[in-house]
Amino acid sequence: MYRRFGSEVTIIEMAPRLVPHENEDVSAAIKDIVEREGVSIRLDAECISLAKRGDDIVARVDCTAGVPEVAGSHLLLAVGRRPNTDDLGLDKAGVRCDECGYIVVDDQLQTNVPGIWALGDCNGRGAFTQRTTISTSSPRICSTAIGAGSATVLPPMRCTRTRHWAASA
């Protein structure tokens, strides 16, 4: 977004590739798309220090390639994600969460409660899922303005949208 507004942007990522929790081909495709947008990417980076130099913020990084400093006017730092599940009353439904608040699911995304599945960011597996949903075996039905008939509507859940990277703009 910042790049499209005209800022120079550098992504500094500690992992050897972007989006390490996704398939390697998906990660490579995302990197290619972002680079074509004009964003610089520093992989295998370990931030050694951040400092203010005049009006700039300077990140000194230890990388396998590239200059040891990235300077910019702003810094966006993302250090992880935390699901927004603590006020959903999952404990009252008997749905198990892990120590970080993610809903525990099996390979079919079903929770420990039969008939309840957790999809997207709330289960810690869907890094790019922007809308997270809990589905039950008896979803609400409502009428829709598009076309005739009814549509299945699943109750929405709030989720975080933090990315796993830091950017200097």
Protein backbone atom coordinates (compact mmCIF):
# COMPACT_ATOMS: atom_id res chain seq x y z
CA MET A 1 0.00 0.00 0.00
CA TYR A 2 2.76 2.45 0.91
CA ARG A 3 4.58 1.68 -2.35
CA ARG A 4 1.44 2.38 -4.36
CA PHE A 5 1.19 5.73 -2.60
CA GLY A 6 4.70 6.54 -3.88
CA SER A 7 6.92 5.61 -0.94
CA GLU A 8 10.09 3.58 -1.30
CA VAL A 9 9.53 0.40 0.70
CA THR A 10 11.90 -2.30 1.92
CA ILE A 11 10.68 -5.53 3.52
CA ILE A 12 13.17 -6.97 6.00
CA GLU A 13 12.42 -10.64 6.72
CA MET A 14 14.38 -12.90 9.07
CA ALA A 15 13.24 -16.08 7.31
CA PRO A 16 14.85 -17.32 4.08
CA ARG A 17 11.62 -16.54 2.19
CA LEU A 18 8.50 -14.44 2.51
CA VAL A 19 5.46 -16.07 4.07
CA PRO A 20 7.32 -19.06 5.54
CA HIS A 21 4.08 -20.79 6.64
CA GLU A 22 2.80 -21.02 3.06
CA ASN A 23 3.84 -23.31 0.22
CA GLU A 24 7.28 -22.41 -1.24
CA ASP A 25 5.78 -21.76 -4.69
CA VAL A 26 3.17 -19.43 -3.21
CA SER A 27 5.86 -17.63 -1.22
CA ALA A 28 8.02 -17.20 -4.36
CA ALA A 29 5.05 -15.91 -6.36
CA ILE A 30 4.23 -13.35 -3.66
CA LYS A 31 7.85 -12.21 -3.58
CA ASP A 32 7.84 -11.80 -7.36
CA ILE A 33 4.60 -9.79 -7.31
CA VAL A 34 5.83 -7.52 -4.51
CA GLU A 35 9.18 -6.94 -6.25
CA ARG A 36 7.41 -6.07 -9.53
CA GLU A 37 5.51 -3.44 -7.54
CA GLY A 38 8.89 -1.88 -6.77
CA VAL A 39 9.34 -3.09 -3.19
CA SER A 40 12.86 -4.10 -2.13
CA ILE A 41 13.09 -7.35 -0.18
CA ARG A 42 15.83 -8.40 2.25
CA LEU A 43 15.62 -12.07 3.22
CA ASP A 44 17.68 -13.97 5.79
CA ALA A 45 17.92 -10.67 7.65
CA GLU A 46 18.62 -10.28 11.31
CA CYS A 47 18.08 -6.80 12.65
CA ILE A 48 21.06 -5.80 14.72
CA SER A 49 19.94 -2.31 15.64
CA LEU A 50 17.55 0.55 14.95
CA ALA A 51 18.71 4.13 15.26
CA LYS A 52 17.55 7.65 14.48
CA ARG A 53 19.84 9.53 12.07
CA GLY A 54 18.54 13.03 11.45
CA ASP A 55 14.99 12.58 10.15
CA ASP A 56 15.64 8.97 9.13
CA ILE A 57 15.24 5.68 10.94
CA VAL A 58 18.12 3.34 10.14
CA ALA A 59 17.90 -0.43 10.48
CA ARG A 60 21.29 -2.11 10.54
CA VAL A 61 20.79 -5.64 9.30
CA ASP A 62 22.95 -8.71 8.92
CA CYS A 63 21.87 -10.33 5.64
CA THR A 64 23.27 -12.86 3.21
CA ALA A 65 23.22 -10.15 0.51
CA GLY A 66 22.75 -6.39 0.25
CA VAL A 67 23.87 -3.29 2.03
CA PRO A 68 24.09 -3.49 5.83
CA GLU A 69 21.76 -0.50 6.40
CA VAL A 70 18.22 0.35 5.33
CA ALA A 71 17.13 3.93 6.01
CA GLY A 72 13.71 5.50 5.76
CA SER A 73 11.38 8.08 7.26
CA HIS A 74 9.05 5.53 8.89
CA LEU A 75 9.24 2.01 10.26
CA LEU A 76 6.42 -0.52 10.41
CA LEU A 77 7.33 -3.40 12.68
CA ALA A 78 5.26 -6.58 12.77
CA VAL A 79 6.44 -9.21 15.21
CA GLY A 80 3.67 -11.77 14.97
CA ARG A 81 -0.01 -12.33 15.28
CA ARG A 82 -2.47 -12.89 18.06
CA PRO A 83 -5.94 -14.15 17.26
CA ASN A 84 -8.88 -12.14 18.51
CA THR A 85 -10.72 -15.09 20.04
CA ASP A 86 -10.71 -14.35 23.77
CA ASP A 87 -14.18 -12.73 23.89
CA LEU A 88 -16.06 -15.33 21.82
CA GLY A 89 -17.08 -17.56 24.72
CA LEU A 90 -15.32 -20.56 23.21
CA ASP A 91 -14.79 -21.97 26.68
CA LYS A 92 -18.58 -22.05 27.21
CA ALA A 93 -18.96 -24.03 23.97
CA GLY A 94 -16.14 -26.34 25.05
CA VAL A 95 -13.95 -25.35 22.08
CA ARG A 96 -10.28 -25.84 22.96
CA CYS A 97 -7.70 -23.10 22.27
CA ASP A 98 -3.93 -23.32 22.56
CA GLU A 99 -1.77 -21.16 24.85
CA CYS A 100 -1.65 -18.37 22.23
CA GLY A 101 -5.44 -18.22 21.76
CA TYR A 102 -5.62 -20.10 18.45
CA ILE A 103 -8.50 -22.54 18.10
CA VAL A 104 -7.13 -26.10 17.99
CA VAL A 105 -8.26 -27.99 14.86
CA ASP A 106 -7.51 -31.26 13.09
CA ASP A 107 -6.53 -31.67 9.41
CA GLN A 108 -10.16 -31.10 8.36
CA LEU A 109 -10.25 -27.88 10.45
CA GLN A 110 -12.73 -29.40 12.90
CA THR A 111 -12.43 -28.40 16.53
CA ASN A 112 -12.66 -30.78 19.46
CA VAL A 113 -16.44 -30.14 19.48
CA PRO A 114 -18.26 -32.20 16.82
CA GLY A 115 -19.96 -30.02 14.22
CA ILE A 116 -17.78 -26.94 14.80
CA TRP A 117 -14.97 -26.03 12.41
CA ALA A 118 -12.59 -23.07 12.68
CA LEU A 119 -11.41 -21.55 9.40
CA GLY A 120 -8.83 -18.84 8.70
CA ASP A 121 -6.64 -16.86 11.07
CA CYS A 122 -8.38 -18.03 14.24
CA ASN A 123 -6.78 -21.49 13.89
CA GLY A 124 -3.26 -20.20 13.22
CA ARG A 125 -3.02 -21.84 9.81
CA GLY A 126 -4.59 -19.24 7.52
CA ALA A 127 -2.10 -16.38 7.36
CA PHE A 128 -3.77 -14.76 4.35
CA THR A 129 -7.38 -15.35 5.28
CA GLN A 130 -8.73 -11.85 5.77
CA ARG A 131 -12.16 -12.93 7.02
CA THR A 132 -12.27 -15.68 9.57
CA THR A 133 -15.37 -17.75 10.14
CA ILE A 134 -16.52 -20.38 12.58
CA SER A 135 -18.89 -22.76 10.87
CA THR A 136 -21.42 -24.92 12.66
CA SER A 137 -23.47 -27.82 11.34
CA SER A 138 -26.63 -25.68 11.57
CA PRO A 139 -25.77 -22.27 10.04
CA ARG A 140 -28.26 -19.42 9.95
CA ILE A 141 -30.16 -18.93 6.70
CA CYS A 142 -31.10 -15.49 5.45
CA SER A 143 -32.51 -14.03 2.27
CA THR A 144 -30.17 -12.26 -0.10
CA ALA A 145 -30.67 -9.32 -2.46
CA ILE A 146 -28.59 -11.00 -5.16
CA GLY A 147 -30.62 -13.57 -7.06
CA ALA A 148 -33.56 -15.49 -5.75
CA GLY A 149 -33.69 -17.81 -2.81
CA SER A 150 -31.52 -17.84 0.26
CA ALA A 151 -27.84 -17.89 1.09
CA THR A 152 -25.99 -19.60 3.91
CA VAL A 153 -24.45 -17.05 6.23
CA LEU A 154 -21.79 -18.15 8.68
CA PRO A 155 -21.24 -16.11 11.83
CA PRO A 156 -18.12 -13.90 11.34
CA MET A 157 -15.22 -13.67 13.75
CA ARG A 158 -12.80 -10.81 14.17
CA CYS A 159 -9.17 -11.56 13.41
CA THR A 160 -5.85 -9.83 13.31
CA ARG A 161 -4.31 -8.90 9.97
CA THR A 162 -0.73 -8.27 11.00
CA ARG A 163 1.90 -9.43 8.51
CA HIS A 164 5.18 -11.10 9.48
CA TRP A 165 7.55 -8.40 8.25
CA ALA A 166 8.96 -5.03 8.95
CA ALA A 167 9.02 -2.31 6.33
CA SER A 168 10.84 0.97 6.05
CA ALA A 169 8.93 3.54 4.02
